[in-house]
Amino acid sequence: MIETIFGNTTAAKVMLYLFHYGEAYTTGIAQDMGMARSQVQKQLDRFEAGGVLVSKLMGKVRIYSFNPKLGVTKKIKELIQVFYDAMPLEEKEKLFNVRRRPRRKGKPVMTKVKNEN
């Protein structure tokens, strides 16, 4: 369903990836998500042109993140959060299995979401 909202599967995966990691670069997203670099770059360019994402150069690498100055960024992230929270733990582990920063000793990889019924 998130693919419908963002237009296609690549766009949805890019947004979930950025939501999970906070910032990312084209090649990292493409390799981790098993997609073509050109597809990922096209989506990042589209989101940046629309103002949803911003980028900065770090050396020769362009790093993308959500645009904190865009008024609707918080709402977009809340929408992504709904889909992210609804994903089964196994799917999260499959999609986001690459460590991007050190983990605190003893901290679990991911926690299961409690059903609130």
Foldseek 3Di string as FASTA:
>chain_A
DLCVVQVHDLLLQLVLVCLVPQKDFQVVSCVLQVHDSVSNVVSQVVCVVVQQWDWDDDPNTIMIGGRPPDPCNVVVSVVSVVVVLPDAPVVCCSRPVDDPDDDDPPDDPDDRDDDDD
